[in-house]
C-alpha atoms as a PDB file:
ATOM      1  CA  MET A   1      -9.980 -28.861 -21.252  1.00  0.00           C
ATOM      2  CA  ARG A   2      -6.420 -29.778 -20.281  1.00  0.00           C
ATOM      3  CA  LEU A   3      -4.827 -27.126 -18.109  1.00  0.00           C
ATOM      4  CA  LYS A   4      -1.554 -27.503 -19.985  1.00  0.00           C
ATOM      5  CA  ALA A   5      -3.300 -26.273 -23.135  1.00  0.00           C
ATOM      6  CA  MET A   6      -4.611 -23.266 -21.216  1.00  0.00           C
ATOM      7  CA  LEU A   7      -1.090 -22.412 -20.044  1.00  0.00           C
ATOM      8  CA  LYS A   8       0.106 -22.602 -23.645  1.00  0.00           C
ATOM      9  CA  GLN A   9      -2.691 -20.219 -24.639  1.00  0.00           C
ATOM     10  CA  PHE A  10      -1.629 -17.776 -21.900  1.00  0.00           C
ATOM     11  CA  HIS A  11       1.930 -17.753 -23.239  1.00  0.00           C
ATOM     12  CA  SER A  12       0.857 -17.276 -26.846  1.00  0.00           C
ATOM     13  CA  VAL A  13      -1.258 -14.244 -25.945  1.00  0.00           C
ATOM     14  CA  LEU A  14       0.732 -12.617 -23.124  1.00  0.00           C
ATOM     15  CA  ASP A  15       4.447 -13.402 -23.497  1.00  0.00           C
ATOM     16  CA  GLU A  16       5.132 -10.500 -25.849  1.00  0.00           C
ATOM     17  CA  ASN A  17       3.867  -7.947 -23.297  1.00  0.00           C
ATOM     18  CA  TYR A  18       4.848  -9.582 -20.030  1.00  0.00           C
ATOM     19  CA  GLY A  19       7.590 -12.143 -20.686  1.00  0.00           C
ATOM     20  CA  LYS A  20       7.475 -15.887 -20.062  1.00  0.00           C
ATOM     21  CA  GLU A  21       8.394 -15.826 -16.366  1.00  0.00           C
ATOM     22  CA  GLU A  22       5.760 -13.265 -15.414  1.00  0.00           C
ATOM     23  CA  VAL A  23       3.103 -15.168 -17.364  1.00  0.00           C
ATOM     24  CA  ASN A  24       4.063 -18.314 -15.441  1.00  0.00           C
ATOM     25  CA  ALA A  25       3.695 -16.314 -12.232  1.00  0.00           C
ATOM     26  CA  PHE A  26       0.231 -15.146 -13.292  1.00  0.00           C
ATOM     27  CA  PHE A  27      -0.780 -18.724 -13.988  1.00  0.00           C
ATOM     28  CA  ASP A  28       0.523 -19.801 -10.559  1.00  0.00           C
ATOM     29  CA  VAL A  29      -1.655 -17.184  -8.877  1.00  0.00           C
ATOM     30  CA  LEU A  30      -4.735 -18.188 -10.870  1.00  0.00           C
ATOM     31  CA  MET A  31      -4.246 -21.885 -10.178  1.00  0.00           C
ATOM     32  CA  GLU A  32      -3.918 -21.182  -6.477  1.00  0.00           C
ATOM     33  CA  HIS A  33      -6.950 -18.883  -6.486  1.00  0.00           C
ATOM     34  CA  HIS A  34      -9.345 -20.829  -8.730  1.00  0.00           C
ATOM     35  CA  LEU A  35      -8.178 -24.423  -8.243  1.00  0.00           C
ATOM     36  CA  ASN A  36      -6.439 -24.324  -4.852  1.00  0.00           C
ATOM     37  CA  ASP A  37      -3.532 -26.051  -6.539  1.00  0.00           C
ATOM     38  CA  LYS A  38       0.039 -25.352  -7.669  1.00  0.00           C
ATOM     39  CA  ARG A  39       1.595 -25.430 -11.151  1.00  0.00           C
ATOM     40  CA  ILE A  40       3.816 -28.364 -10.190  1.00  0.00           C
ATOM     41  CA  GLN A  41       0.672 -30.432 -10.697  1.00  0.00           C
ATOM     42  CA  LEU A  42       1.027 -29.841 -14.439  1.00  0.00           C
ATOM     43  CA  VAL A  43       4.333 -31.719 -14.268  1.00  0.00           C
ATOM     44  CA  LEU A  44       3.050 -34.446 -11.975  1.00  0.00           C
ATOM     45  CA  ASN A  45      -0.210 -34.783 -13.878  1.00  0.00           C
ATOM     46  CA  PRO A  46       0.152 -33.779 -17.560  1.00  0.00           C
ATOM     47  CA  ASP A  47      -3.513 -34.664 -18.162  1.00  0.00           C
ATOM     48  CA  TYR A  48      -4.766 -32.299 -15.446  1.00  0.00           C
ATOM     49  CA  SER A  49      -8.181 -31.172 -16.725  1.00  0.00           C
ATOM     50  CA  ILE A  50     -10.562 -28.408 -15.704  1.00  0.00           C
ATOM     51  CA  THR A  51     -14.314 -27.996 -16.059  1.00  0.00           C
ATOM     52  CA  SER A  52     -15.900 -25.637 -18.565  1.00  0.00           C
ATOM     53  CA  ALA A  53     -16.772 -23.250 -15.707  1.00  0.00           C
ATOM     54  CA  GLN A  54     -13.149 -23.218 -14.539  1.00  0.00           C
ATOM     55  CA  GLU A  55     -11.991 -22.775 -18.118  1.00  0.00           C
ATOM     56  CA  GLN A  56     -14.136 -19.644 -18.382  1.00  0.00           C
ATOM     57  CA  LEU A  57     -12.538 -18.204 -15.245  1.00  0.00           C
ATOM     58  CA  PHE A  58      -9.087 -18.598 -16.796  1.00  0.00           C
ATOM     59  CA  LEU A  59     -10.248 -17.148 -20.129  1.00  0.00           C
ATOM     60  CA  ASN A  60     -11.730 -14.130 -18.346  1.00  0.00           C
ATOM     61  CA  ALA A  61      -8.428 -13.615 -16.531  1.00  0.00           C
ATOM     62  CA  LEU A  62      -6.513 -13.976 -19.798  1.00  0.00           C
ATOM     63  CA  ASN A  63      -8.644 -11.273 -21.388  1.00  0.00           C
ATOM     64  CA  ASP A  64      -8.185  -8.966 -18.398  1.00  0.00           C
ATOM     65  CA  LEU A  65      -4.412  -9.477 -18.340  1.00  0.00           C
ATOM     66  CA  ASN A  66      -4.258  -8.775 -22.068  1.00  0.00           C
ATOM     67  CA  ASN A  67      -6.023  -5.487 -21.289  1.00  0.00           C
ATOM     68  CA  HIS A  68      -3.377  -4.627 -18.667  1.00  0.00           C
ATOM     69  CA  ILE A  69      -5.598  -5.195 -15.627  1.00  0.00           C
ATOM     70  CA  PRO A  70      -3.373  -6.109 -12.646  1.00  0.00           C
ATOM     71  CA  ILE A  71      -3.613  -9.715 -11.454  1.00  0.00           C
ATOM     72  CA  GLN A  72      -4.425  -8.455  -7.936  1.00  0.00           C
ATOM     73  CA  TYR A  73      -7.569  -6.721  -9.201  1.00  0.00           C
ATOM     74  CA  ILE A  74      -8.525  -9.791 -11.222  1.00  0.00           C
ATOM     75  CA  ILE A  75      -8.557 -12.061  -8.175  1.00  0.00           C
ATOM     76  CA  GLY A  76      -9.520  -9.236  -5.786  1.00  0.00           C
ATOM     77  CA  GLU A  77      -6.746  -9.853  -3.286  1.00  0.00           C
ATOM     78  CA  THR A  78      -3.022  -9.694  -2.578  1.00  0.00           C
ATOM     79  CA  GLU A  79      -0.531 -10.316   0.219  1.00  0.00           C
ATOM     80  CA  PHE A  80       1.221  -7.652   2.271  1.00  0.00           C
ATOM     81  CA  TYR A  81       3.592  -8.201   5.182  1.00  0.00           C
ATOM     82  CA  GLY A  82       2.553 -11.854   5.286  1.00  0.00           C
ATOM     83  CA  LEU A  83      -1.150 -10.986   5.591  1.00  0.00           C
ATOM     84  CA  PRO A  84      -4.035 -11.323   3.087  1.00  0.00           C
ATOM     85  CA  PHE A  85      -5.662  -8.126   1.811  1.00  0.00           C
ATOM     86  CA  LYS A  86      -8.690  -7.479  -0.347  1.00  0.00           C
ATOM     87  CA  VAL A  87      -8.166  -4.892  -3.092  1.00  0.00           C
ATOM     88  CA  SER A  88     -10.540  -3.027  -5.372  1.00  0.00           C
ATOM     89  CA  LYS A  89     -10.476  -0.325  -8.027  1.00  0.00           C
ATOM     90  CA  TYR A  90     -10.803   2.207  -5.180  1.00  0.00           C
ATOM     91  CA  THR A  91      -7.508   1.203  -3.560  1.00  0.00           C
ATOM     92  CA  LEU A  92      -3.875   1.080  -4.591  1.00  0.00           C
ATOM     93  CA  ILE A  93      -2.281  -2.347  -4.707  1.00  0.00           C
ATOM     94  CA  PRO A  94       0.081  -2.570  -1.700  1.00  0.00           C
ATOM     95  CA  ARG A  95       3.735  -2.680  -2.698  1.00  0.00           C
ATOM     96  CA  SER A  96       6.963  -4.073  -1.324  1.00  0.00           C
ATOM     97  CA  GLU A  97       8.397  -0.576  -0.736  1.00  0.00           C
ATOM     98  CA  THR A  98       5.577   0.063   1.710  1.00  0.00           C
ATOM     99  CA  GLU A  99       6.436  -3.157   3.526  1.00  0.00           C
ATOM    100  CA  GLU A 100       9.853  -1.611   4.151  1.00  0.00           C
ATOM    101  CA  LEU A 101       8.153   1.431   5.691  1.00  0.00           C
ATOM    102  CA  VAL A 102       6.179  -0.862   8.020  1.00  0.00           C
ATOM    103  CA  SER A 103       9.387  -2.686   8.987  1.00  0.00           C
ATOM    104  CA  PHE A 104      11.088   0.655   9.683  1.00  0.00           C
ATOM    105  CA  ILE A 105       8.367   1.564  12.207  1.00  0.00           C
ATOM    106  CA  ILE A 106       8.171  -1.871  13.832  1.00  0.00           C
ATOM    107  CA  GLU A 107      11.951  -2.022  14.283  1.00  0.00           C
ATOM    108  CA  ASP A 108      11.978   1.440  15.871  1.00  0.00           C
ATOM    109  CA  VAL A 109       9.139   0.643  18.253  1.00  0.00           C
ATOM    110  CA  THR A 110      10.360  -2.816  19.279  1.00  0.00           C
ATOM    111  CA  SER A 111      13.932  -1.586  19.803  1.00  0.00           C
ATOM    112  CA  SER A 112      12.699   0.908  22.394  1.00  0.00           C
ATOM    113  CA  THR A 113      13.723   0.027  25.947  1.00  0.00           C
ATOM    114  CA  VAL A 114      10.352   1.204  27.263  1.00  0.00           C
ATOM    115  CA  GLU A 115       7.406  -1.145  26.767  1.00  0.00           C
ATOM    116  CA  LYS A 116       4.278   0.982  26.572  1.00  0.00           C
ATOM    117  CA  SER A 117       1.066   1.416  24.676  1.00  0.00           C
ATOM    118  CA  ILE A 118       1.451   3.786  21.742  1.00  0.00           C
ATOM    119  CA  LYS A 119      -1.063   5.599  19.586  1.00  0.00           C
ATOM    120  CA  ILE A 120      -0.604   5.442  15.804  1.00  0.00           C
ATOM    121  CA  LEU A 121      -2.402   7.270  12.971  1.00  0.00           C
ATOM    122  CA  ASP A 122      -2.130   6.107   9.345  1.00  0.00           C
ATOM    123  CA  ILE A 123      -3.164   8.894   6.946  1.00  0.00           C
ATOM    124  CA  GLY A 124      -4.434   7.818   3.513  1.00  0.00           C
ATOM    125  CA  THR A 125      -4.873   4.206   4.575  1.00  0.00           C
ATOM    126  CA  GLY A 126      -6.293   2.774   1.319  1.00  0.00           C
ATOM    127  CA  THR A 127      -6.521  -0.995   1.835  1.00  0.00           C
ATOM    128  CA  GLY A 128      -5.477  -0.475   5.453  1.00  0.00           C
ATOM    129  CA  CYS A 129      -2.264  -2.407   4.804  1.00  0.00           C
ATOM    130  CA  ILE A 130      -0.006  -0.157   6.917  1.00  0.00           C
ATOM    131  CA  ALA A 131      -2.413   0.240   9.833  1.00  0.00           C
ATOM    132  CA  ILE A 132      -3.399  -3.435   9.949  1.00  0.00           C
ATOM    133  CA  SER A 133       0.183  -4.702   9.645  1.00  0.00           C
ATOM    134  CA  LEU A 134       1.258  -2.401  12.474  1.00  0.00           C
ATOM    135  CA  ALA A 135      -1.681  -3.452  14.642  1.00  0.00           C
ATOM    136  CA  ASN A 136      -0.893  -7.146  14.109  1.00  0.00           C
ATOM    137  CA  ASN A 137       2.807  -6.744  14.843  1.00  0.00           C
ATOM    138  CA  LEU A 138       2.535  -4.203  17.663  1.00  0.00           C
ATOM    139  CA  PRO A 139      -0.187  -5.652  19.897  1.00  0.00           C
ATOM    140  CA  GLU A 140       0.163  -2.822  22.442  1.00  0.00           C
ATOM    141  CA  ALA A 141      -0.533  -0.176  19.809  1.00  0.00           C
ATOM    142  CA  ASN A 142      -3.804   1.730  19.507  1.00  0.00           C
ATOM    143  CA  VAL A 143      -4.133   2.219  15.744  1.00  0.00           C
ATOM    144  CA  HIS A 144      -6.272   4.727  13.833  1.00  0.00           C
ATOM    145  CA  ALA A 145      -6.574   4.975  10.040  1.00  0.00           C
ATOM    146  CA  LEU A 146      -7.853   7.885   7.955  1.00  0.00           C
ATOM    147  CA  ASP A 147      -8.894   8.142   4.317  1.00  0.00           C
ATOM    148  CA  VAL A 148     -10.782  10.601   2.132  1.00  0.00           C
ATOM    149  CA  SER A 149     -12.453   7.789   0.162  1.00  0.00           C
ATOM    150  CA  GLU A 150     -15.442   6.056   1.721  1.00  0.00           C
ATOM    151  CA  ASP A 151     -15.059   3.280  -0.855  1.00  0.00           C
ATOM    152  CA  ALA A 152     -11.454   2.699   0.226  1.00  0.00           C
ATOM    153  CA  LEU A 153     -12.496   2.692   3.874  1.00  0.00           C
ATOM    154  CA  ARG A 154     -15.052  -0.038   3.170  1.00  0.00           C
ATOM    155  CA  VAL A 155     -12.241  -2.202   1.792  1.00  0.00           C
ATOM    156  CA  ALA A 156      -9.964  -1.328   4.722  1.00  0.00           C
ATOM    157  CA  LYS A 157     -12.683  -2.310   7.209  1.00  0.00           C
ATOM    158  CA  GLU A 158     -13.092  -5.667   5.442  1.00  0.00           C
ATOM    159  CA  ASN A 159      -9.346  -6.185   5.687  1.00  0.00           C
ATOM    160  CA  ALA A 160      -9.290  -5.327   9.379  1.00  0.00           C
ATOM    161  CA  LYS A 161     -11.991  -7.949   9.971  1.00  0.00           C
ATOM    162  CA  LEU A 162     -10.183 -10.458   7.750  1.00  0.00           C
ATOM    163  CA  ASN A 163      -6.965 -10.021   9.754  1.00  0.00           C
ATOM    164  CA  GLU A 164      -8.659  -9.693  13.153  1.00  0.00           C
ATOM    165  CA  ALA A 165      -7.150  -6.237  13.675  1.00  0.00           C
ATOM    166  CA  THR A 166      -8.765  -3.590  15.845  1.00  0.00           C
ATOM    167  CA  ILE A 167      -8.558  -0.265  13.998  1.00  0.00           C
ATOM    168  CA  GLU A 168     -10.470   2.973  14.499  1.00  0.00           C
ATOM    169  CA  PHE A 169     -11.312   4.269  11.021  1.00  0.00           C
ATOM    170  CA  ILE A 170     -11.803   7.948  10.240  1.00  0.00           C
ATOM    171  CA  HIS A 171     -13.380   9.404   7.088  1.00  0.00           C
ATOM    172  CA  ASP A 172     -11.666  12.736   6.497  1.00  0.00           C
ATOM    173  CA  ASP A 173      -9.631  14.812   4.037  1.00  0.00           C
ATOM    174  CA  ILE A 174      -6.202  15.788   5.317  1.00  0.00           C
ATOM    175  CA  LEU A 175      -6.139  18.674   2.806  1.00  0.00           C
ATOM    176  CA  ASN A 176      -9.275  20.186   4.336  1.00  0.00           C
ATOM    177  CA  PRO A 177      -8.295  22.881   6.874  1.00  0.00           C
ATOM    178  CA  SER A 178     -11.318  21.984   8.992  1.00  0.00           C
ATOM    179  CA  HIS A 179     -10.233  18.344   9.414  1.00  0.00           C
ATOM    180  CA  ALA A 180      -9.764  18.995  13.134  1.00  0.00           C
ATOM    181  CA  VAL A 181     -13.558  18.864  13.421  1.00  0.00           C
ATOM    182  CA  LEU A 182     -13.336  15.076  13.173  1.00  0.00           C
ATOM    183  CA  ILE A 183     -10.124  14.713  15.174  1.00  0.00           C
ATOM    184  CA  SER A 184     -10.259  16.773  18.347  1.00  0.00           C
ATOM    185  CA  VAL A 185      -7.283  18.863  19.412  1.00  0.00           C
ATOM    186  CA  SER A 186      -6.909  16.603  22.445  1.00  0.00           C
ATOM    187  CA  HIS A 187      -6.431  13.594  20.136  1.00  0.00           C
ATOM    188  CA  THR A 188      -2.647  13.196  19.857  1.00  0.00           C
ATOM    189  CA  PHE A 189      -0.460  10.411  18.534  1.00  0.00           C
ATOM    190  CA  ASP A 190       2.968   8.926  19.218  1.00  0.00           C
ATOM    191  CA  ILE A 191       3.380   8.027  15.538  1.00  0.00           C
ATOM    192  CA  ILE A 192       1.851   9.474  12.387  1.00  0.00           C
ATOM    193  CA  VAL A 193       2.569   7.530   9.200  1.00  0.00           C
ATOM    194  CA  SER A 194       1.520   8.149   5.631  1.00  0.00           C
ATOM    195  CA  ASN A 195       2.065   6.888   2.116  1.00  0.00           C
ATOM    196  CA  PRO A 196       0.260   9.757   0.366  1.00  0.00           C
ATOM    197  CA  PRO A 197      -0.014  10.506  -3.365  1.00  0.00           C
ATOM    198  CA  TYR A 198       3.421  11.577  -4.552  1.00  0.00           C
ATOM    199  CA  VAL A 199       3.843  10.755  -8.257  1.00  0.00           C
ATOM    200  CA  ARG A 200       4.085  13.934 -10.314  1.00  0.00           C
ATOM    201  CA  ASN A 201       2.176  14.150 -13.590  1.00  0.00           C
ATOM    202  CA  LEU A 202       5.516  14.601 -15.368  1.00  0.00           C
ATOM    203  CA  GLU A 203       6.465  11.093 -14.182  1.00  0.00           C
ATOM    204  CA  LYS A 204       3.449   9.383 -15.766  1.00  0.00           C
ATOM    205  CA  ALA A 205       5.656   8.162 -18.625  1.00  0.00           C
ATOM    206  CA  GLU A 206       7.502   5.964 -16.093  1.00  0.00           C
ATOM    207  CA  ILE A 207       4.298   4.284 -14.908  1.00  0.00           C
ATOM    208  CA  LYS A 208       3.362   0.910 -16.393  1.00  0.00           C
ATOM    209  CA  PRO A 209       0.060   0.803 -18.339  1.00  0.00           C
ATOM    210  CA  ASN A 210      -1.492  -1.712 -15.922  1.00  0.00           C
ATOM    211  CA  VAL A 211      -0.994   0.810 -13.085  1.00  0.00           C
ATOM    212  CA  LEU A 212      -1.805   3.955 -15.056  1.00  0.00           C
ATOM    213  CA  GLU A 213      -5.016   2.597 -16.542  1.00  0.00           C
ATOM    214  CA  ASN A 214      -6.395   0.850 -13.463  1.00  0.00           C
ATOM    215  CA  GLU A 215      -5.188   2.133 -10.102  1.00  0.00           C
ATOM    216  CA  PRO A 216      -6.964   5.180  -8.615  1.00  0.00           C
ATOM    217  CA  HIS A 217      -5.293   8.412  -9.727  1.00  0.00           C
ATOM    218  CA  LEU A 218      -6.591  10.122  -6.576  1.00  0.00           C
ATOM    219  CA  ALA A 219      -4.196   7.948  -4.570  1.00  0.00           C
ATOM    220  CA  LEU A 220      -1.284   8.229  -7.003  1.00  0.00           C
ATOM    221  CA  PHE A 221      -0.768  11.642  -8.565  1.00  0.00           C
ATOM    222  CA  VAL A 222      -0.041  15.197  -7.470  1.00  0.00           C
ATOM    223  CA  ASP A 223       0.383  18.437  -9.407  1.00  0.00           C
ATOM    224  CA  ASP A 224       3.861  19.084 -10.760  1.00  0.00           C
ATOM    225  CA  GLU A 225       3.782  22.574  -9.216  1.00  0.00           C
ATOM    226  CA  ASN A 226       2.903  21.351  -5.714  1.00  0.00           C
ATOM    227  CA  PRO A 227       4.227  17.798  -5.333  1.00  0.00           C
ATOM    228  CA  LEU A 228       4.599  17.948  -1.544  1.00  0.00           C
ATOM    229  CA  GLN A 229       1.101  19.257  -0.793  1.00  0.00           C
ATOM    230  CA  PHE A 230       0.075  16.179   1.227  1.00  0.00           C
ATOM    231  CA  TYR A 231       3.328  16.123   3.191  1.00  0.00           C
ATOM    232  CA  LYS A 232       2.966  19.809   4.009  1.00  0.00           C
ATOM    233  CA  ALA A 233      -0.642  19.291   5.179  1.00  0.00           C
ATOM    234  CA  ILE A 234       0.410  16.340   7.361  1.00  0.00           C
ATOM    235  CA  CYS A 235       3.295  18.358   8.855  1.00  0.00           C
ATOM    236  CA  GLU A 236       0.814  21.119   9.728  1.00  0.00           C
ATOM    237  CA  PHE A 237      -1.539  18.531  11.215  1.00  0.00           C
ATOM    238  CA  ALA A 238       1.337  17.059  13.213  1.00  0.00           C
ATOM    239  CA  GLN A 239       2.030  20.426  14.862  1.00  0.00           C
ATOM    240  CA  ILE A 240      -1.176  19.849  16.841  1.00  0.00           C
ATOM    241  CA  HIS A 241      -1.736  16.101  16.767  1.00  0.00           C
ATOM    242  CA  LEU A 242       1.749  14.593  17.151  1.00  0.00           C
ATOM    243  CA  LYS A 243       3.017  14.323  20.705  1.00  0.00           C
ATOM    244  CA  THR A 244       6.286  15.931  21.723  1.00  0.00           C
ATOM    245  CA  GLY A 245       8.921  13.266  21.058  1.00  0.00           C
ATOM    246  CA  GLY A 246       6.588  11.599  18.583  1.00  0.00           C
ATOM    247  CA  ALA A 247       7.684  10.552  15.104  1.00  0.00           C
ATOM    248  CA  LEU A 248       6.489  11.132  11.563  1.00  0.00           C
ATOM    249  CA  TYR A 249       7.119   8.388   8.994  1.00  0.00           C
ATOM    250  CA  PHE A 250       6.544   8.860   5.267  1.00  0.00           C
ATOM    251  CA  GLU A 251       6.917   6.932   2.056  1.00  0.00           C
ATOM    252  CA  ILE A 252       8.210   9.466  -0.458  1.00  0.00           C
ATOM    253  CA  ASN A 253       8.927  10.175  -4.113  1.00  0.00           C
ATOM    254  CA  GLU A 254      12.417   8.856  -4.872  1.00  0.00           C
ATOM    255  CA  TYR A 255      13.310  12.112  -6.671  1.00  0.00           C
ATOM    256  CA  LEU A 256      12.286  14.436  -3.824  1.00  0.00           C
ATOM    257  CA  GLY A 257      14.266  13.180  -0.844  1.00  0.00           C
ATOM    258  CA  GLN A 258      16.197  16.401  -0.233  1.00  0.00           C
ATOM    259  CA  GLU A 259      13.070  18.491  -0.718  1.00  0.00           C
ATOM    260  CA  MET A 260      11.411  16.395   1.994  1.00  0.00           C
ATOM    261  CA  VAL A 261      14.340  16.948   4.355  1.00  0.00           C
ATOM    262  CA  GLN A 262      14.030  20.702   3.820  1.00  0.00           C
ATOM    263  CA  LEU A 263      10.258  20.603   4.340  1.00  0.00           C
ATOM    264  CA  LEU A 264      10.591  18.774   7.650  1.00  0.00           C
ATOM    265  CA  GLN A 265      13.382  21.089   8.798  1.00  0.00           C
ATOM    266  CA  GLY A 266      11.169  24.053   7.948  1.00  0.00           C
ATOM    267  CA  PHE A 267       8.501  22.713  10.305  1.00  0.00           C
ATOM    268  CA  GLY A 268      11.059  22.313  13.088  1.00  0.00           C
ATOM    269  CA  PHE A 269      11.337  18.528  13.067  1.00  0.00           C
ATOM    270  CA  LYS A 270      14.620  17.017  14.230  1.00  0.00           C
ATOM    271  CA  SER A 271      16.523  13.716  13.955  1.00  0.00           C
ATOM    272  CA  ILE A 272      15.544  13.436  10.290  1.00  0.00           C
ATOM    273  CA  GLN A 273      16.432  10.099   8.687  1.00  0.00           C
ATOM    274  CA  LEU A 274      16.224   9.678   4.907  1.00  0.00           C
ATOM    275  CA  LYS A 275      16.307   5.964   4.061  1.00  0.00           C
ATOM    276  CA  THR A 276      16.725   4.091   0.811  1.00  0.00           C
ATOM    277  CA  ASP A 277      14.731   1.012  -0.175  1.00  0.00           C
ATOM    278  CA  ILE A 278      16.186  -2.294  -1.360  1.00  0.00           C
ATOM    279  CA  PHE A 279      16.670  -0.741  -4.811  1.00  0.00           C
ATOM    280  CA  GLY A 280      18.784   2.103  -3.408  1.00  0.00           C
ATOM    281  CA  LYS A 281      16.084   4.746  -3.973  1.00  0.00           C
ATOM    282  CA  ASP A 282      15.202   7.450  -1.442  1.00  0.00           C
ATOM    283  CA  ARG A 283      11.858   6.011  -0.359  1.00  0.00           C
ATOM    284  CA  MET A 284      11.309   6.565   3.398  1.00  0.00           C
ATOM    285  CA  ILE A 285      11.840   9.386   5.806  1.00  0.00           C
ATOM    286  CA  LYS A 286      11.444   9.770   9.560  1.00  0.00           C
ATOM    287  CA  ALA A 287      11.396  12.918  11.663  1.00  0.00           C
ATOM    288  CA  VAL A 288      10.899  13.596  15.384  1.00  0.00           C
ATOM    289  CA  LYS A 289       8.911  16.400  16.990  1.00  0.00           C
ATOM    290  CA  LEU A 290      10.931  17.938  19.799  1.00  0.00           C
ATOM    291  CA  VAL A 291      10.271  20.678  22.327  1.00  0.00           C
ATOM    292  CA  GLU A 292      10.867  24.141  20.868  1.00  0.00           C
END
């Protein structure tokens, strides 16, 4: 089959839901993944043909896309902070907003006048994208990553191996009051970072079907009545496990920036910075633990 005909079929089936440009982008990804080639080849070689086995791979992807399955889950991988990451139904797909959170931390650490080894904990690591990106860009850092899902941790461990990152993984539930059993009181960190679940159920209408129907709700949603439950638990955890002078970094719900400021102030954190993302939304926050 000619690949040009397959592209035409993709547009006829998907354009109404996704738009022409996004369908072209999907096709680019699939060509790169399945054929190790780029779409420019369709211009250079209009007769570009694929085997029946390759045709089936594209047809399977077409069916999945038509059923709102994200392209990252279809090919089982994505890119984050310039690094390759495996993804699965047990992990969220890493997003560009989270890359900004990673940049925020790296800029803070590298701008410090004191070169020293630091200890970092990523809570709710998922694919491991935050922890691994920090480990690769901060070679002096000692990075730990925690998640409640053993399935997610399996993916994160694969990604650490894939990116040659040394991470200590911890299976634990930050909402469990006895979590200190797995992390001793003497285990303290210079930085604690988290991108926890923060989408309220009332905001589900804003979520695209491909996200709502496929990405793990455990990692996405919180109760409307208690939307900051993970942040509160991490602040409590940080009272013991964050060093004096250490920093908390969070990705947050764009609608709850001021509530997050108040929460951190209530726990005695200082030097609170609420930052917007490239879209102008309140998306990141930093706070420092100081001596009482």
